[in-house]
Amino acid sequence: MLKDSVKKCLETIIENWKNHPDFKQLVNFIENDKKNIFKQVKKIFKNKRKSEKTKNNEARMFLYEYAVKKIQIDPRIEQFIFSNDRETVEIIFEDVFGFNNNPDKKYTINFNYIKQLSELITECLFTNYNSNEVINFLKYFFDKPGVSRDRIMRYKTILWFSYLIIDIIIIDDLVCDKGPNYLKEKIQELMNAIEEEMIISQSDIDNACYDDGLWENSLFAYLQGEDRKNLFEQLNKQFNFLEIQDNNNRLLIAEQRRCIYRKAHNIFCVQ
């Protein structure tokens, strides 16, 4: 019976996840919405052309995707640091977002747009949902040991990339009218402007302002400067606009960037 097959599939997956310490949070998301999830998995099992094994695998992928997208990321400054640039990164984010310096609390950056950031990353990071990918993701964003070094690089990169895209949308009034392709063009244009030291003029003689000074208080402006050159170059490499095929687990790929352009535009301009 269809209903029994769906029920058995869900019970098996949930029971397996309960026995895995990294999946406890995912189990909570699933158990809090069992009725809706049952309906969605039932649609998968209605396909008579697919084998039971295929349908069970598709159901598992659906549950991974569903649960991961419920997660809210709480970014920490450590997640933006690539090498020995902690002080540089702290100064940049202090200037952009401010910080909590309450002596009774641990030093923290007051990151903005956390809900939107979480939506971008949980939807756009994964090119596939399997246990290894999900485990690495959960370990990293919930500060547990044992994360693949390659994936750490990608996670840091997508955090930076997402905040830079959000920055463009918040600052540039043209984004909502022009759409996701404009975001693609603008971020590359601004990265080139940083490289040419154009966003903030380094000359007292040259009073011309890049883009009428629109970006002078942006993350892009704070990435410009000789003391930030190493960080900028690392980010530019990690964003992978040139589509380097090596180290695919470390760098962003076109599919992920396109997803962020599209999803960010939808979150800030359509929803």
Protein backbone atom coordinates (compact mmCIF):
# COMPACT_ATOMS: atom_id res chain seq x y z
CA MET A 1 0.00 0.00 0.00
CA LEU A 2 1.23 3.49 -0.89
CA LYS A 3 0.53 4.97 2.52
CA ASP A 4 2.39 2.16 4.29
CA SER A 5 5.40 2.49 1.97
CA VAL A 6 5.66 6.23 2.65
CA LYS A 7 5.28 5.73 6.38
CA LYS A 8 7.92 3.00 6.47
CA CYS A 9 10.34 5.12 4.43
CA LEU A 10 9.97 8.15 6.72
CA GLU A 11 10.22 6.10 9.90
CA THR A 12 13.41 4.40 8.67
CA ILE A 13 15.09 7.67 7.70
CA ILE A 14 14.11 9.43 10.92
CA GLU A 15 15.25 6.49 13.05
CA ASN A 16 18.62 6.45 11.29
CA TRP A 17 19.02 10.20 11.77
CA LYS A 18 18.18 9.91 15.47
CA ASN A 19 21.15 7.58 15.85
CA HIS A 20 23.46 10.11 14.22
CA PRO A 21 24.55 12.87 16.65
CA ASP A 22 24.99 15.46 13.87
CA PHE A 23 21.43 15.03 12.61
CA LYS A 24 19.50 15.72 15.81
CA GLN A 25 18.51 19.22 14.73
CA LEU A 26 17.33 17.95 11.34
CA VAL A 27 15.12 15.37 13.06
CA ASN A 28 13.41 18.15 15.03
CA PHE A 29 12.56 20.02 11.83
CA ILE A 30 11.12 16.87 10.27
CA GLU A 31 9.08 15.82 13.28
CA ASN A 32 7.59 19.29 13.65
CA ASP A 33 6.09 19.14 10.15
CA LYS A 34 5.33 15.48 9.60
CA LYS A 35 1.94 16.02 7.99
CA ASN A 36 3.25 18.29 5.22
CA ILE A 37 6.33 16.14 4.69
CA PHE A 38 4.20 13.00 4.39
CA LYS A 39 2.24 14.66 1.54
CA GLN A 40 5.44 15.62 -0.29
CA VAL A 41 7.04 12.19 0.05
CA LYS A 42 3.78 10.57 -1.02
CA LYS A 43 4.10 12.41 -4.35
CA ILE A 44 7.52 10.80 -4.83
CA PHE A 45 6.12 7.32 -4.15
CA LYS A 46 3.23 7.76 -6.59
CA ASN A 47 5.64 7.41 -9.50
CA LYS A 48 5.12 3.80 -10.60
CA ARG A 49 7.97 3.88 -13.12
CA LYS A 50 10.67 4.16 -10.44
CA SER A 51 11.99 1.39 -8.25
CA GLU A 52 11.48 1.37 -4.49
CA LYS A 53 15.20 2.01 -4.02
CA THR A 54 15.09 5.10 -6.24
CA LYS A 55 12.01 6.45 -4.47
CA ASN A 56 13.59 5.91 -1.06
CA ASN A 57 16.73 7.74 -2.19
CA GLU A 58 14.68 10.63 -3.58
CA ALA A 59 12.73 10.85 -0.34
CA ARG A 60 15.98 10.99 1.63
CA MET A 61 17.30 13.79 -0.62
CA PHE A 62 14.04 15.68 -0.17
CA LEU A 63 14.28 15.40 3.62
CA TYR A 64 17.88 16.60 3.62
CA GLU A 65 16.94 19.60 1.49
CA TYR A 66 13.81 20.38 3.49
CA ALA A 67 15.57 20.23 6.87
CA VAL A 68 18.73 22.10 5.83
CA LYS A 69 16.65 24.99 4.49
CA LYS A 70 15.07 25.38 7.93
CA ILE A 71 18.44 26.14 9.52
CA GLN A 72 19.28 29.70 10.52
CA ILE A 73 22.98 30.44 10.34
CA ASP A 74 24.51 32.55 13.09
CA PRO A 75 27.73 33.86 11.51
CA ARG A 76 30.89 34.32 13.58
CA ILE A 77 33.93 36.36 12.68
CA GLU A 78 36.07 33.19 12.55
CA GLN A 79 34.03 32.01 9.58
CA PHE A 80 35.29 34.89 7.44
CA ILE A 81 39.02 34.50 8.13
CA PHE A 82 41.16 32.79 5.48
CA SER A 83 44.68 32.94 6.88
CA ASN A 84 46.29 35.32 9.36
CA ASP A 85 44.01 38.25 8.58
CA ARG A 86 41.82 38.18 11.69
CA GLU A 87 42.49 41.80 12.64
CA THR A 88 41.76 42.99 9.09
CA VAL A 89 38.50 41.05 8.92
CA GLU A 90 37.41 42.25 12.37
CA ILE A 91 38.04 45.89 11.44
CA ILE A 92 36.10 45.53 8.17
CA PHE A 93 33.03 44.03 9.81
CA GLU A 94 33.19 46.33 12.82
CA ASP A 95 33.05 49.30 10.44
CA VAL A 96 30.23 47.82 8.38
CA PHE A 97 28.01 46.20 11.04
CA GLY A 98 29.27 47.42 14.41
CA PHE A 99 30.05 45.16 17.35
CA ASN A 100 28.94 44.23 20.86
CA ASN A 101 31.61 45.29 23.34
CA ASN A 102 29.62 44.57 26.49
CA PRO A 103 32.17 43.40 29.11
CA ASP A 104 29.64 40.85 30.39
CA LYS A 105 29.39 39.20 26.97
CA LYS A 106 31.77 37.65 24.49
CA TYR A 107 32.94 40.02 21.74
CA THR A 108 30.67 39.61 18.72
CA ILE A 109 30.03 41.39 15.43
CA ASN A 110 26.43 42.54 15.03
CA PHE A 111 25.89 40.89 11.65
CA ASN A 112 22.82 42.14 9.78
CA TYR A 113 20.49 40.33 7.36
CA ILE A 114 21.01 36.97 9.09
CA LYS A 115 17.66 35.55 7.97
CA GLN A 116 18.35 36.49 4.35
CA LEU A 117 21.91 35.20 4.58
CA SER A 118 20.65 31.85 5.88
CA GLU A 119 18.19 31.55 3.00
CA LEU A 120 20.89 32.26 0.43
CA ILE A 121 23.38 29.77 1.82
CA THR A 122 21.06 26.88 2.63
CA GLU A 123 19.48 27.10 -0.83
CA CYS A 124 22.56 27.83 -2.93
CA LEU A 125 25.48 26.04 -1.29
CA PHE A 126 24.44 22.48 -2.11
CA THR A 127 24.83 21.09 -5.60
CA ASN A 128 23.66 17.76 -4.20
CA TYR A 129 22.33 16.55 -0.88
CA ASN A 130 24.14 13.55 0.53
CA SER A 131 25.12 12.62 4.05
CA ASN A 132 28.75 13.71 3.64
CA GLU A 133 27.83 17.16 2.32
CA VAL A 134 25.20 17.70 5.00
CA ILE A 135 27.44 16.50 7.84
CA ASN A 136 30.26 18.85 6.82
CA PHE A 137 27.80 21.74 6.58
CA LEU A 138 26.30 21.08 10.01
CA LYS A 139 29.68 20.63 11.67
CA TYR A 140 31.01 23.88 10.25
CA PHE A 141 28.07 26.15 10.92
CA PHE A 142 27.49 24.71 14.38
CA ASP A 143 31.15 24.84 15.35
CA LYS A 144 31.97 21.14 15.54
CA PRO A 145 35.33 19.56 14.64
CA GLY A 146 36.08 17.31 11.71
CA VAL A 147 35.09 19.47 8.74
CA SER A 148 36.83 18.86 5.41
CA ARG A 149 39.47 21.56 4.80
CA ASP A 150 38.32 22.03 1.21
CA ARG A 151 34.74 22.61 2.28
CA ILE A 152 35.79 25.09 4.96
CA MET A 153 37.23 27.23 2.17
CA ARG A 154 33.99 27.06 0.21
CA TYR A 155 31.88 27.87 3.28
CA LYS A 156 33.96 30.95 4.08
CA THR A 157 33.71 32.00 0.45
CA ILE A 158 29.94 31.73 0.19
CA LEU A 159 29.53 33.79 3.38
CA TRP A 160 31.63 36.62 1.92
CA PHE A 161 30.01 36.36 -1.51
CA SER A 162 26.50 36.47 -0.06
CA TYR A 163 27.20 39.54 2.06
CA LEU A 164 28.77 41.36 -0.91
CA ILE A 165 25.71 40.58 -3.03
CA ILE A 166 23.41 41.78 -0.24
CA ASP A 167 25.49 44.96 -0.03
CA ILE A 168 24.96 45.63 -3.74
CA ILE A 169 21.19 45.18 -3.43
CA ILE A 170 20.93 47.45 -0.38
CA ILE A 171 23.05 50.23 -1.93
CA ASP A 172 22.19 50.15 -5.64
CA ASP A 173 18.61 51.14 -6.49
CA LEU A 174 18.96 49.71 -10.00
CA VAL A 175 19.18 46.07 -8.88
CA CYS A 176 15.48 45.34 -8.45
CA ASP A 177 14.56 46.73 -11.87
CA LYS A 178 17.48 45.18 -13.75
CA GLY A 179 17.44 41.72 -12.20
CA PRO A 180 19.91 38.92 -11.36
CA ASN A 181 22.13 39.45 -14.42
CA TYR A 182 22.83 42.98 -13.20
CA LEU A 183 24.10 41.53 -9.91
CA LYS A 184 26.44 39.25 -11.84
CA GLU A 185 27.85 42.17 -13.82
CA LYS A 186 28.01 44.56 -10.87
CA ILE A 187 29.96 42.36 -8.49
CA GLN A 188 32.62 41.69 -11.12
CA GLU A 189 32.74 45.40 -11.95
CA LEU A 190 33.21 46.30 -8.28
CA MET A 191 35.88 43.64 -7.74
CA ASN A 192 37.76 45.12 -10.71
CA ALA A 193 37.33 48.59 -9.20
CA ILE A 194 38.89 47.39 -5.92
CA GLU A 195 41.83 45.97 -7.83
CA GLU A 196 42.32 49.31 -9.61
CA GLU A 197 41.86 51.20 -6.29
CA MET A 198 39.02 53.18 -7.79
CA ILE A 199 36.26 52.92 -5.16
CA ILE A 200 38.04 55.25 -2.76
CA SER A 201 40.39 57.70 -4.43
CA GLN A 202 43.97 57.48 -3.18
CA SER A 203 44.85 60.92 -4.55
CA ASP A 204 44.14 64.33 -3.02
CA ILE A 205 44.44 65.84 -6.49
CA ASP A 206 41.94 63.54 -8.14
CA ASN A 207 38.55 64.53 -6.73
CA ALA A 208 36.58 62.32 -9.09
CA CYS A 209 34.42 59.82 -7.20
CA TYR A 210 33.84 56.31 -8.49
CA ASP A 211 30.13 55.91 -9.30
CA ASP A 212 29.46 59.28 -7.59
CA GLY A 213 30.71 57.92 -4.28
CA LEU A 214 27.91 55.35 -4.06
CA TRP A 215 30.19 52.61 -2.69
CA GLU A 216 32.33 54.60 -0.25
CA ASN A 217 30.75 52.98 2.83
CA SER A 218 30.28 49.53 1.34
CA LEU A 219 32.04 46.25 2.02
CA PHE A 220 33.76 46.76 -1.33
CA ALA A 221 35.32 50.02 -0.15
CA TYR A 222 36.60 48.36 3.02
CA LEU A 223 38.24 45.63 0.93
CA GLN A 224 40.33 48.23 -0.91
CA GLY A 225 43.78 49.13 0.37
CA GLU A 226 47.31 47.78 0.49
CA ASP A 227 46.79 46.18 3.91
CA ARG A 228 43.71 44.32 2.57
CA LYS A 229 45.29 43.23 -0.70
CA ASN A 230 45.93 39.62 0.38
CA LEU A 231 42.36 39.21 1.61
CA PHE A 232 40.95 40.73 -1.58
CA GLU A 233 43.09 38.52 -3.81
CA GLN A 234 42.05 35.44 -1.85
CA LEU A 235 38.38 36.32 -2.20
CA ASN A 236 38.70 37.09 -5.90
CA LYS A 237 40.29 33.69 -6.43
CA GLN A 238 37.68 31.92 -4.31
CA PHE A 239 34.75 33.54 -6.13
CA ASN A 240 36.11 31.80 -9.23
CA PHE A 241 34.69 34.11 -11.89
CA LEU A 242 37.17 32.53 -14.35
CA GLU A 243 35.65 29.09 -13.72
CA ILE A 244 38.84 27.27 -12.72
CA GLN A 245 38.01 23.58 -12.60
CA ASP A 246 40.63 22.54 -10.04
CA ASN A 247 39.70 22.29 -6.36
CA ASN A 248 35.99 22.26 -7.06
CA ASN A 249 35.20 21.66 -3.40
CA ARG A 250 37.12 24.80 -2.38
CA LEU A 251 35.90 27.40 -4.88
CA LEU A 252 32.47 28.68 -5.78
CA ILE A 253 31.10 27.29 -9.02
CA ALA A 254 28.87 28.98 -11.59
CA GLU A 255 25.76 27.13 -10.42
CA GLN A 256 26.20 28.46 -6.87
CA ARG A 257 26.85 32.04 -7.99
CA ARG A 258 23.83 32.00 -10.32
CA CYS A 259 21.66 30.69 -7.49
CA ILE A 260 22.79 33.52 -5.19
CA TYR A 261 22.09 36.19 -7.83
CA ARG A 262 18.63 34.76 -8.45
CA LYS A 263 17.71 34.02 -4.85
CA ALA A 264 19.01 37.33 -3.48
CA HIS A 265 17.04 39.26 -6.09
CA ASN A 266 13.94 37.29 -5.16
CA ILE A 267 14.36 37.81 -1.41
CA PHE A 268 15.00 41.56 -1.52
CA CYS A 269 13.05 42.60 -4.61
CA VAL A 270 10.15 40.20 -5.08
CA GLN A 271 9.09 38.63 -1.78
